[in-house]
Amino acid sequence: MELKQLEYFLAVSNTGSFTRAAEQLYVSQPSVTTAIKKLEDELGLVLFDRNKKQAILTSEGKIFYQHAGTVMKDISLAAQKAAELKNLSSGIIQIGLSPLTGLAVSSFLLSKFHNMYPTLRFRFLEANTKELRHALEEDQIDLAFLPLLPQEVDAEPSLECAVIHQEHLSAYLPQFHLLAHRQELHFKDLRQELLLLPPESCGYRQVIDHCFQQQDLTERPIFETTYPQMIASLIISGSGIAILPSGAIQNEMVKEVPLADSPVIVLTIARKQKRTIAHAAEKLYAFLQESYDG
């Protein structure tokens, strides 16, 4: 059974005539007659009582008409929805991110993309870097913002990563801290400090650990969390100082001091390799990739 057969059948049913149906469809009458005869042969049913003036649905034809109409409506709706998805007038993009992951940059770029396609919806999964990698590999999300070292970008075995921003680490201190007046700091300046750090499952923590190890320094982590508001409150209370990406905390009672020996960290947008993702997500990935001006 072909869709064209259903289309011809409905046209004959609605017009009550093979001739008028052919005129409506801009085809020859024999084409309509042949299509209907083939349909009846496939079904093993007579769908029309035919005479010289009109074609009248049989009782079986009336039942088939109801279902054929539903099928064609569903097909038309499916085609409409597909067109909306293609034109980015509908659809959902599932994105993974960490509370610390370049929020200023990612939110700006997502807002810019949303202004271009205002009817798209975005669904976020907030998790640590390890969990986001797993979510990508298990097809639970389309894309994820991941912080990486430059040499890691092309080394992810199962992910395709595009750089969208470069950033460095900073120290975040209470305004009354002895080091708060400095224009820049080094990791060695923090060796005696109680530290507020992201958990070990966070990509930024792995970079921080690497920096301390390279300089043969020992960390003194006292709190581990990825929530900027909690970190800011702990800093203000004098519980310790934080090492986070630049711009992670915006609070007038917290002083951000750049770490001069911080490595470059690249914020990437990642997707699973060799996976076909939603059309809207594909467009967003290309948009973010093109937005990088480095």
C-alpha atoms as a PDB file:
ATOM      1  CA  MET A   1       0.000   0.000   0.000  1.00  0.00           C
ATOM      2  CA  GLU A   2       1.312   3.414  -0.998  1.00  0.00           C
ATOM      3  CA  LEU A   3       0.494   6.863   0.315  1.00  0.00           C
ATOM      4  CA  LYS A   4      -0.484   7.915  -3.181  1.00  0.00           C
ATOM      5  CA  GLN A   5      -3.152   5.221  -3.181  1.00  0.00           C
ATOM      6  CA  LEU A   6      -4.598   6.599   0.061  1.00  0.00           C
ATOM      7  CA  GLU A   7      -4.481  10.124  -1.346  1.00  0.00           C
ATOM      8  CA  TYR A   8      -6.366   9.025  -4.480  1.00  0.00           C
ATOM      9  CA  PHE A   9      -8.846   7.014  -2.407  1.00  0.00           C
ATOM     10  CA  LEU A  10      -9.662  10.010  -0.189  1.00  0.00           C
ATOM     11  CA  ALA A  11      -9.996  12.301  -3.190  1.00  0.00           C
ATOM     12  CA  VAL A  12     -12.509   9.966  -4.858  1.00  0.00           C
ATOM     13  CA  SER A  13     -14.363   9.535  -1.559  1.00  0.00           C
ATOM     14  CA  ASN A  14     -14.614  13.295  -0.998  1.00  0.00           C
ATOM     15  CA  THR A  15     -15.607  14.204  -4.549  1.00  0.00           C
ATOM     16  CA  GLY A  16     -17.745  11.142  -5.258  1.00  0.00           C
ATOM     17  CA  SER A  17     -16.192  10.928  -8.696  1.00  0.00           C
ATOM     18  CA  PHE A  18     -13.102   9.454 -10.321  1.00  0.00           C
ATOM     19  CA  THR A  19     -13.162  12.276 -12.864  1.00  0.00           C
ATOM     20  CA  ARG A  20     -13.381  15.109 -10.332  1.00  0.00           C
ATOM     21  CA  ALA A  21     -10.755  13.427  -8.155  1.00  0.00           C
ATOM     22  CA  ALA A  22      -8.381  13.270 -11.138  1.00  0.00           C
ATOM     23  CA  GLU A  23      -9.004  16.971 -11.871  1.00  0.00           C
ATOM     24  CA  GLN A  24      -8.376  17.874  -8.233  1.00  0.00           C
ATOM     25  CA  LEU A  25      -5.142  15.876  -8.161  1.00  0.00           C
ATOM     26  CA  TYR A  26      -3.997  17.085 -11.605  1.00  0.00           C
ATOM     27  CA  VAL A  27      -3.561  13.532 -12.898  1.00  0.00           C
ATOM     28  CA  SER A  28      -5.320  11.486 -15.511  1.00  0.00           C
ATOM     29  CA  GLN A  29      -8.477   9.576 -14.642  1.00  0.00           C
ATOM     30  CA  PRO A  30      -6.951   6.205 -15.633  1.00  0.00           C
ATOM     31  CA  SER A  31      -4.180   6.832 -13.074  1.00  0.00           C
ATOM     32  CA  VAL A  32      -6.783   7.248 -10.338  1.00  0.00           C
ATOM     33  CA  THR A  33      -8.784   4.256 -11.505  1.00  0.00           C
ATOM     34  CA  THR A  34      -5.688   2.036 -11.639  1.00  0.00           C
ATOM     35  CA  ALA A  35      -4.515   3.136  -8.175  1.00  0.00           C
ATOM     36  CA  ILE A  36      -7.920   2.443  -6.593  1.00  0.00           C
ATOM     37  CA  LYS A  37      -8.209  -0.942  -8.311  1.00  0.00           C
ATOM     38  CA  LYS A  38      -4.747  -1.913  -7.077  1.00  0.00           C
ATOM     39  CA  LEU A  39      -5.682  -0.823  -3.548  1.00  0.00           C
ATOM     40  CA  GLU A  40      -8.861  -2.891  -3.627  1.00  0.00           C
ATOM     41  CA  ASP A  41      -6.920  -5.906  -4.870  1.00  0.00           C
ATOM     42  CA  GLU A  42      -4.382  -5.562  -2.052  1.00  0.00           C
ATOM     43  CA  LEU A  43      -7.138  -5.264   0.567  1.00  0.00           C
ATOM     44  CA  GLY A  44      -9.363  -7.903  -0.973  1.00  0.00           C
ATOM     45  CA  LEU A  45     -12.310  -5.494  -0.645  1.00  0.00           C
ATOM     46  CA  VAL A  46     -14.531  -3.449  -2.920  1.00  0.00           C
ATOM     47  CA  LEU A  47     -14.338   0.121  -1.698  1.00  0.00           C
ATOM     48  CA  PHE A  48     -16.667   1.861  -4.186  1.00  0.00           C
ATOM     49  CA  ASP A  49     -19.940   1.153  -5.905  1.00  0.00           C
ATOM     50  CA  ARG A  50     -19.295   2.544  -9.353  1.00  0.00           C
ATOM     51  CA  ASN A  51     -21.762   3.875 -11.919  1.00  0.00           C
ATOM     52  CA  LYS A  52     -21.569   6.361 -14.736  1.00  0.00           C
ATOM     53  CA  LYS A  53     -22.330   9.380 -12.548  1.00  0.00           C
ATOM     54  CA  GLN A  54     -20.638   8.783  -9.222  1.00  0.00           C
ATOM     55  CA  ALA A  55     -18.517   6.574  -6.989  1.00  0.00           C
ATOM     56  CA  ILE A  56     -20.198   5.700  -3.679  1.00  0.00           C
ATOM     57  CA  LEU A  57     -18.355   4.172  -0.735  1.00  0.00           C
ATOM     58  CA  THR A  58     -19.358   0.648   0.190  1.00  0.00           C
ATOM     59  CA  SER A  59     -19.839  -0.218   3.881  1.00  0.00           C
ATOM     60  CA  GLU A  60     -16.273  -1.535   3.943  1.00  0.00           C
ATOM     61  CA  GLY A  61     -15.144   1.586   2.088  1.00  0.00           C
ATOM     62  CA  LYS A  62     -16.700   3.833   4.751  1.00  0.00           C
ATOM     63  CA  ILE A  63     -14.786   2.072   7.520  1.00  0.00           C
ATOM     64  CA  PHE A  64     -11.548   2.231   5.528  1.00  0.00           C
ATOM     65  CA  TYR A  65     -12.202   5.932   4.834  1.00  0.00           C
ATOM     66  CA  GLN A  66     -12.236   6.760   8.550  1.00  0.00           C
ATOM     67  CA  HIS A  67      -8.882   5.118   9.165  1.00  0.00           C
ATOM     68  CA  ALA A  68      -7.293   6.358   5.934  1.00  0.00           C
ATOM     69  CA  GLY A  69      -8.231   9.910   6.875  1.00  0.00           C
ATOM     70  CA  THR A  70      -6.587   9.497  10.272  1.00  0.00           C
ATOM     71  CA  VAL A  71      -3.426   8.119   8.675  1.00  0.00           C
ATOM     72  CA  MET A  72      -3.163  11.032   6.252  1.00  0.00           C
ATOM     73  CA  LYS A  73      -3.760  13.564   9.017  1.00  0.00           C
ATOM     74  CA  ASP A  74      -1.020  11.948  11.104  1.00  0.00           C
ATOM     75  CA  ILE A  75       1.342  11.995   8.135  1.00  0.00           C
ATOM     76  CA  SER A  76       0.569  15.646   7.482  1.00  0.00           C
ATOM     77  CA  LEU A  77       1.173  16.473  11.150  1.00  0.00           C
ATOM     78  CA  ALA A  78       4.426  14.502  11.142  1.00  0.00           C
ATOM     79  CA  ALA A  79       5.596  16.394   8.059  1.00  0.00           C
ATOM     80  CA  GLN A  80       4.673  19.685   9.706  1.00  0.00           C
ATOM     81  CA  LYS A  81       6.598  18.797  12.874  1.00  0.00           C
ATOM     82  CA  ALA A  82       9.598  17.708  10.806  1.00  0.00           C
ATOM     83  CA  ALA A  83       9.541  21.045   8.977  1.00  0.00           C
ATOM     84  CA  GLU A  84       9.402  22.892  12.312  1.00  0.00           C
ATOM     85  CA  LEU A  85      12.405  20.936  13.581  1.00  0.00           C
ATOM     86  CA  LYS A  86      14.319  21.597  10.378  1.00  0.00           C
ATOM     87  CA  ASN A  87      13.526  25.314  10.532  1.00  0.00           C
ATOM     88  CA  LEU A  88      14.402  25.427  14.265  1.00  0.00           C
ATOM     89  CA  SER A  89      10.927  26.697  15.141  1.00  0.00           C
ATOM     90  CA  SER A  90      10.538  23.873  17.659  1.00  0.00           C
ATOM     91  CA  GLY A  91      12.679  21.315  19.432  1.00  0.00           C
ATOM     92  CA  ILE A  92      14.537  20.687  22.698  1.00  0.00           C
ATOM     93  CA  ILE A  93      18.313  20.829  23.173  1.00  0.00           C
ATOM     94  CA  GLN A  94      19.672  18.875  26.126  1.00  0.00           C
ATOM     95  CA  ILE A  95      22.870  20.426  27.500  1.00  0.00           C
ATOM     96  CA  GLY A  96      25.144  19.388  30.341  1.00  0.00           C
ATOM     97  CA  LEU A  97      27.113  21.853  32.420  1.00  0.00           C
ATOM     98  CA  SER A  98      28.783  22.340  35.773  1.00  0.00           C
ATOM     99  CA  PRO A  99      27.847  25.257  38.078  1.00  0.00           C
ATOM    100  CA  LEU A 100      31.435  26.504  37.632  1.00  0.00           C
ATOM    101  CA  THR A 101      31.793  26.015  33.892  1.00  0.00           C
ATOM    102  CA  GLY A 102      32.287  29.401  32.251  1.00  0.00           C
ATOM    103  CA  LEU A 103      28.831  30.601  33.216  1.00  0.00           C
ATOM    104  CA  ALA A 104      29.328  34.140  31.925  1.00  0.00           C
ATOM    105  CA  VAL A 105      30.497  32.924  28.519  1.00  0.00           C
ATOM    106  CA  SER A 106      28.122  29.981  28.120  1.00  0.00           C
ATOM    107  CA  SER A 107      25.052  31.945  29.248  1.00  0.00           C
ATOM    108  CA  PHE A 108      25.914  34.829  26.894  1.00  0.00           C
ATOM    109  CA  LEU A 109      26.321  32.509  23.893  1.00  0.00           C
ATOM    110  CA  LEU A 110      23.188  30.504  24.705  1.00  0.00           C
ATOM    111  CA  SER A 111      21.199  33.716  25.097  1.00  0.00           C
ATOM    112  CA  LYS A 112      22.471  34.930  21.724  1.00  0.00           C
ATOM    113  CA  PHE A 113      21.458  31.636  20.067  1.00  0.00           C
ATOM    114  CA  HIS A 114      18.063  31.753  21.793  1.00  0.00           C
ATOM    115  CA  ASN A 115      17.445  35.247  20.393  1.00  0.00           C
ATOM    116  CA  MET A 116      18.026  33.804  16.929  1.00  0.00           C
ATOM    117  CA  TYR A 117      15.627  30.891  17.516  1.00  0.00           C
ATOM    118  CA  PRO A 118      13.252  32.020  20.308  1.00  0.00           C
ATOM    119  CA  THR A 119      10.883  29.037  20.110  1.00  0.00           C
ATOM    120  CA  LEU A 120      13.563  26.447  20.904  1.00  0.00           C
ATOM    121  CA  ARG A 121      13.657  24.982  24.391  1.00  0.00           C
ATOM    122  CA  PHE A 122      16.779  24.195  26.442  1.00  0.00           C
ATOM    123  CA  ARG A 123      16.998  21.500  29.089  1.00  0.00           C
ATOM    124  CA  PHE A 124      20.053  21.486  31.374  1.00  0.00           C
ATOM    125  CA  LEU A 125      21.717  18.689  33.273  1.00  0.00           C
ATOM    126  CA  GLU A 126      23.873  20.077  36.077  1.00  0.00           C
ATOM    127  CA  ALA A 127      26.602  17.627  37.057  1.00  0.00           C
ATOM    128  CA  ASN A 128      30.342  17.251  37.479  1.00  0.00           C
ATOM    129  CA  THR A 129      32.688  16.658  34.559  1.00  0.00           C
ATOM    130  CA  LYS A 130      32.849  12.890  35.007  1.00  0.00           C
ATOM    131  CA  GLU A 131      29.060  12.607  35.090  1.00  0.00           C
ATOM    132  CA  LEU A 132      28.697  14.837  32.031  1.00  0.00           C
ATOM    133  CA  ARG A 133      31.092  12.643  30.036  1.00  0.00           C
ATOM    134  CA  HIS A 134      29.040   9.599  31.024  1.00  0.00           C
ATOM    135  CA  ALA A 135      25.787  11.350  30.091  1.00  0.00           C
ATOM    136  CA  LEU A 136      27.175  12.133  26.631  1.00  0.00           C
ATOM    137  CA  GLU A 137      28.382   8.578  26.086  1.00  0.00           C
ATOM    138  CA  GLU A 138      24.993   7.186  27.179  1.00  0.00           C
ATOM    139  CA  ASP A 139      23.099   9.601  24.868  1.00  0.00           C
ATOM    140  CA  GLN A 140      21.337  11.233  27.824  1.00  0.00           C
ATOM    141  CA  ILE A 141      22.279  14.726  26.574  1.00  0.00           C
ATOM    142  CA  ASP A 142      23.183  16.208  23.199  1.00  0.00           C
ATOM    143  CA  LEU A 143      26.005  18.533  24.230  1.00  0.00           C
ATOM    144  CA  ALA A 144      28.059  19.444  27.303  1.00  0.00           C
ATOM    145  CA  PHE A 145      30.313  22.298  28.351  1.00  0.00           C
ATOM    146  CA  LEU A 146      33.608  20.755  29.479  1.00  0.00           C
ATOM    147  CA  PRO A 147      36.769  22.504  30.773  1.00  0.00           C
ATOM    148  CA  LEU A 148      39.965  20.947  29.397  1.00  0.00           C
ATOM    149  CA  LEU A 149      43.663  21.642  29.058  1.00  0.00           C
ATOM    150  CA  PRO A 150      44.606  22.497  25.451  1.00  0.00           C
ATOM    151  CA  GLN A 151      46.390  19.171  24.930  1.00  0.00           C
ATOM    152  CA  GLU A 152      43.269  17.276  26.001  1.00  0.00           C
ATOM    153  CA  VAL A 153      40.952  18.744  23.361  1.00  0.00           C
ATOM    154  CA  ASP A 154      41.880  16.273  20.624  1.00  0.00           C
ATOM    155  CA  ALA A 155      42.705  13.444  23.028  1.00  0.00           C
ATOM    156  CA  GLU A 156      39.171  12.546  24.111  1.00  0.00           C
ATOM    157  CA  PRO A 157      38.632   9.036  22.674  1.00  0.00           C
ATOM    158  CA  SER A 158      34.833   9.088  22.526  1.00  0.00           C
ATOM    159  CA  LEU A 159      34.076  12.815  22.331  1.00  0.00           C
ATOM    160  CA  GLU A 160      34.395  15.561  19.754  1.00  0.00           C
ATOM    161  CA  CYS A 161      35.280  18.855  21.462  1.00  0.00           C
ATOM    162  CA  ALA A 162      35.303  22.375  20.042  1.00  0.00           C
ATOM    163  CA  VAL A 163      36.969  25.249  21.921  1.00  0.00           C
ATOM    164  CA  ILE A 164      34.658  28.201  22.640  1.00  0.00           C
ATOM    165  CA  HIS A 165      36.628  30.149  25.271  1.00  0.00           C
ATOM    166  CA  GLN A 166      39.985  30.383  27.045  1.00  0.00           C
ATOM    167  CA  GLU A 167      40.289  31.099  30.754  1.00  0.00           C
ATOM    168  CA  HIS A 168      42.716  30.989  33.691  1.00  0.00           C
ATOM    169  CA  LEU A 169      42.478  30.197  37.369  1.00  0.00           C
ATOM    170  CA  SER A 170      42.198  32.846  40.062  1.00  0.00           C
ATOM    171  CA  ALA A 171      42.383  32.908  43.836  1.00  0.00           C
ATOM    172  CA  TYR A 172      39.288  34.197  45.654  1.00  0.00           C
ATOM    173  CA  LEU A 173      39.882  35.727  49.072  1.00  0.00           C
ATOM    174  CA  PRO A 174      37.951  37.715  51.668  1.00  0.00           C
ATOM    175  CA  GLN A 175      38.633  41.447  51.432  1.00  0.00           C
ATOM    176  CA  PHE A 176      40.409  41.374  54.821  1.00  0.00           C
ATOM    177  CA  HIS A 177      42.922  38.665  53.791  1.00  0.00           C
ATOM    178  CA  LEU A 178      46.607  39.656  53.835  1.00  0.00           C
ATOM    179  CA  LEU A 179      47.002  38.614  50.191  1.00  0.00           C
ATOM    180  CA  ALA A 180      43.902  40.459  48.953  1.00  0.00           C
ATOM    181  CA  HIS A 181      45.886  43.595  48.054  1.00  0.00           C
ATOM    182  CA  ARG A 182      48.160  41.733  45.612  1.00  0.00           C
ATOM    183  CA  GLN A 183      47.751  42.260  41.869  1.00  0.00           C
ATOM    184  CA  GLU A 184      48.587  38.622  41.180  1.00  0.00           C
ATOM    185  CA  LEU A 185      49.499  35.501  43.092  1.00  0.00           C
ATOM    186  CA  HIS A 186      51.325  32.225  42.471  1.00  0.00           C
ATOM    187  CA  PHE A 187      50.409  28.728  43.588  1.00  0.00           C
ATOM    188  CA  LYS A 188      53.311  28.733  46.036  1.00  0.00           C
ATOM    189  CA  ASP A 189      51.717  31.726  47.808  1.00  0.00           C
ATOM    190  CA  LEU A 190      48.771  29.490  48.718  1.00  0.00           C
ATOM    191  CA  ARG A 191      50.665  26.548  50.166  1.00  0.00           C
ATOM    192  CA  GLN A 192      49.764  27.435  53.778  1.00  0.00           C
ATOM    193  CA  GLU A 193      46.156  28.380  53.036  1.00  0.00           C
ATOM    194  CA  LEU A 194      43.018  26.392  53.775  1.00  0.00           C
ATOM    195  CA  LEU A 195      41.451  25.823  50.366  1.00  0.00           C
ATOM    196  CA  LEU A 196      37.905  25.692  49.068  1.00  0.00           C
ATOM    197  CA  LEU A 197      38.130  23.516  45.953  1.00  0.00           C
ATOM    198  CA  PRO A 198      35.863  21.801  43.464  1.00  0.00           C
ATOM    199  CA  PRO A 199      35.485  18.041  44.127  1.00  0.00           C
ATOM    200  CA  GLU A 200      37.905  15.622  42.482  1.00  0.00           C
ATOM    201  CA  SER A 201      35.291  14.676  39.865  1.00  0.00           C
ATOM    202  CA  CYS A 202      35.362  18.235  38.502  1.00  0.00           C
ATOM    203  CA  GLY A 203      37.609  19.041  35.537  1.00  0.00           C
ATOM    204  CA  TYR A 204      38.899  22.209  37.218  1.00  0.00           C
ATOM    205  CA  ARG A 205      40.021  20.243  40.265  1.00  0.00           C
ATOM    206  CA  GLN A 206      42.122  17.982  38.081  1.00  0.00           C
ATOM    207  CA  VAL A 207      43.894  21.046  36.670  1.00  0.00           C
ATOM    208  CA  ILE A 208      44.438  22.504  40.159  1.00  0.00           C
ATOM    209  CA  ASP A 209      45.851  19.214  41.460  1.00  0.00           C
ATOM    210  CA  HIS A 210      48.204  19.071  38.486  1.00  0.00           C
ATOM    211  CA  CYS A 211      49.478  22.601  39.183  1.00  0.00           C
ATOM    212  CA  PHE A 212      50.274  21.810  42.819  1.00  0.00           C
ATOM    213  CA  GLN A 213      51.949  18.535  41.906  1.00  0.00           C
ATOM    214  CA  GLN A 214      54.121  20.188  39.254  1.00  0.00           C
ATOM    215  CA  GLN A 215      55.502  22.594  41.860  1.00  0.00           C
ATOM    216  CA  ASP A 216      55.816  19.909  44.513  1.00  0.00           C
ATOM    217  CA  LEU A 217      53.299  21.705  46.715  1.00  0.00           C
ATOM    218  CA  THR A 218      50.769  20.167  49.047  1.00  0.00           C
ATOM    219  CA  GLU A 219      47.123  21.264  48.952  1.00  0.00           C
ATOM    220  CA  ARG A 220      45.113  21.784  52.109  1.00  0.00           C
ATOM    221  CA  PRO A 221      41.506  21.397  50.963  1.00  0.00           C
ATOM    222  CA  ILE A 222      38.975  21.975  53.728  1.00  0.00           C
ATOM    223  CA  PHE A 223      35.725  22.252  51.753  1.00  0.00           C
ATOM    224  CA  GLU A 224      34.822  20.736  48.370  1.00  0.00           C
ATOM    225  CA  THR A 225      31.833  22.046  46.431  1.00  0.00           C
ATOM    226  CA  THR A 226      30.924  23.350  42.972  1.00  0.00           C
ATOM    227  CA  TYR A 227      28.279  25.854  44.066  1.00  0.00           C
ATOM    228  CA  PRO A 228      29.552  29.451  43.760  1.00  0.00           C
ATOM    229  CA  GLN A 229      27.141  30.861  46.365  1.00  0.00           C
ATOM    230  CA  MET A 230      28.282  28.344  48.979  1.00  0.00           C
ATOM    231  CA  ILE A 231      31.936  29.027  48.137  1.00  0.00           C
ATOM    232  CA  ALA A 232      31.411  32.805  48.392  1.00  0.00           C
ATOM    233  CA  SER A 233      29.751  32.445  51.796  1.00  0.00           C
ATOM    234  CA  LEU A 234      32.606  30.298  53.083  1.00  0.00           C
ATOM    235  CA  ILE A 235      35.198  32.790  51.806  1.00  0.00           C
ATOM    236  CA  ILE A 236      33.433  35.745  53.444  1.00  0.00           C
ATOM    237  CA  SER A 237      33.198  33.847  56.744  1.00  0.00           C
ATOM    238  CA  GLY A 238      36.978  33.329  56.691  1.00  0.00           C
ATOM    239  CA  SER A 239      36.813  29.556  56.246  1.00  0.00           C
ATOM    240  CA  GLY A 240      39.429  29.556  53.505  1.00  0.00           C
ATOM    241  CA  ILE A 241      40.233  30.791  50.007  1.00  0.00           C
ATOM    242  CA  ALA A 242      39.082  29.320  46.727  1.00  0.00           C
ATOM    243  CA  ILE A 243      40.838  28.479  43.474  1.00  0.00           C
ATOM    244  CA  LEU A 244      38.385  28.697  40.604  1.00  0.00           C
ATOM    245  CA  PRO A 245      38.224  29.845  36.983  1.00  0.00           C
ATOM    246  CA  SER A 246      38.271  33.595  36.411  1.00  0.00           C
ATOM    247  CA  GLY A 247      34.904  35.248  36.838  1.00  0.00           C
ATOM    248  CA  ALA A 248      33.404  32.326  38.751  1.00  0.00           C
ATOM    249  CA  ILE A 249      32.386  34.453  41.746  1.00  0.00           C
ATOM    250  CA  GLN A 250      30.904  37.946  41.510  1.00  0.00           C
ATOM    251  CA  ASN A 251      30.635  39.311  45.034  1.00  0.00           C
ATOM    252  CA  GLU A 252      31.823  42.685  46.325  1.00  0.00           C
ATOM    253  CA  MET A 253      32.988  41.102  49.576  1.00  0.00           C
ATOM    254  CA  VAL A 254      35.221  38.619  47.728  1.00  0.00           C
ATOM    255  CA  LYS A 255      38.464  39.678  46.049  1.00  0.00           C
ATOM    256  CA  GLU A 256      39.563  37.876  42.892  1.00  0.00           C
ATOM    257  CA  VAL A 257      43.335  37.803  42.321  1.00  0.00           C
ATOM    258  CA  PRO A 258      44.678  36.183  39.114  1.00  0.00           C
ATOM    259  CA  LEU A 259      47.137  33.298  39.463  1.00  0.00           C
ATOM    260  CA  ALA A 260      50.119  34.233  37.312  1.00  0.00           C
ATOM    261  CA  ASP A 261      51.263  30.640  36.855  1.00  0.00           C
ATOM    262  CA  SER A 262      47.854  29.274  35.992  1.00  0.00           C
ATOM    263  CA  PRO A 263      47.778  27.162  32.838  1.00  0.00           C
ATOM    264  CA  VAL A 264      45.397  28.043  30.040  1.00  0.00           C
ATOM    265  CA  ILE A 265      42.107  26.200  30.434  1.00  0.00           C
ATOM    266  CA  VAL A 266      39.862  25.906  27.411  1.00  0.00           C
ATOM    267  CA  LEU A 267      36.113  25.761  27.761  1.00  0.00           C
ATOM    268  CA  THR A 268      34.812  23.370  25.133  1.00  0.00           C
ATOM    269  CA  ILE A 269      31.468  22.291  23.820  1.00  0.00           C
ATOM    270  CA  ALA A 270      31.520  18.506  23.560  1.00  0.00           C
ATOM    271  CA  ARG A 271      29.430  15.932  21.731  1.00  0.00           C
ATOM    272  CA  LYS A 272      29.645  12.194  21.340  1.00  0.00           C
ATOM    273  CA  GLN A 273      31.702  11.127  18.347  1.00  0.00           C
ATOM    274  CA  LYS A 274      29.840   9.581  15.404  1.00  0.00           C
ATOM    275  CA  ARG A 275      26.438  10.238  16.934  1.00  0.00           C
ATOM    276  CA  THR A 276      23.603  11.963  15.080  1.00  0.00           C
ATOM    277  CA  ILE A 277      22.187  14.519  17.486  1.00  0.00           C
ATOM    278  CA  ALA A 278      19.014  16.615  17.273  1.00  0.00           C
ATOM    279  CA  HIS A 279      19.006  19.070  14.372  1.00  0.00           C
ATOM    280  CA  ALA A 280      18.730  22.036  16.749  1.00  0.00           C
ATOM    281  CA  ALA A 281      21.637  20.723  18.834  1.00  0.00           C
ATOM    282  CA  GLU A 282      23.701  20.330  15.656  1.00  0.00           C
ATOM    283  CA  LYS A 283      23.049  23.976  14.800  1.00  0.00           C
ATOM    284  CA  LEU A 284      23.942  25.083  18.335  1.00  0.00           C
ATOM    285  CA  TYR A 285      27.209  23.121  18.225  1.00  0.00           C
ATOM    286  CA  ALA A 286      28.148  24.811  14.931  1.00  0.00           C
ATOM    287  CA  PHE A 287      27.152  28.227  16.306  1.00  0.00           C
ATOM    288  CA  LEU A 288      29.287  27.818  19.442  1.00  0.00           C
ATOM    289  CA  GLN A 289      32.202  26.495  17.396  1.00  0.00           C
ATOM    290  CA  GLU A 290      32.030  29.515  15.066  1.00  0.00           C
ATOM    291  CA  SER A 291      31.743  31.936  17.999  1.00  0.00           C
ATOM    292  CA  TYR A 292      35.289  31.211  19.212  1.00  0.00           C
ATOM    293  CA  ASP A 293      37.588  34.063  18.206  1.00  0.00           C
ATOM    294  CA  GLY A 294      40.826  32.566  19.543  1.00  0.00           C
END
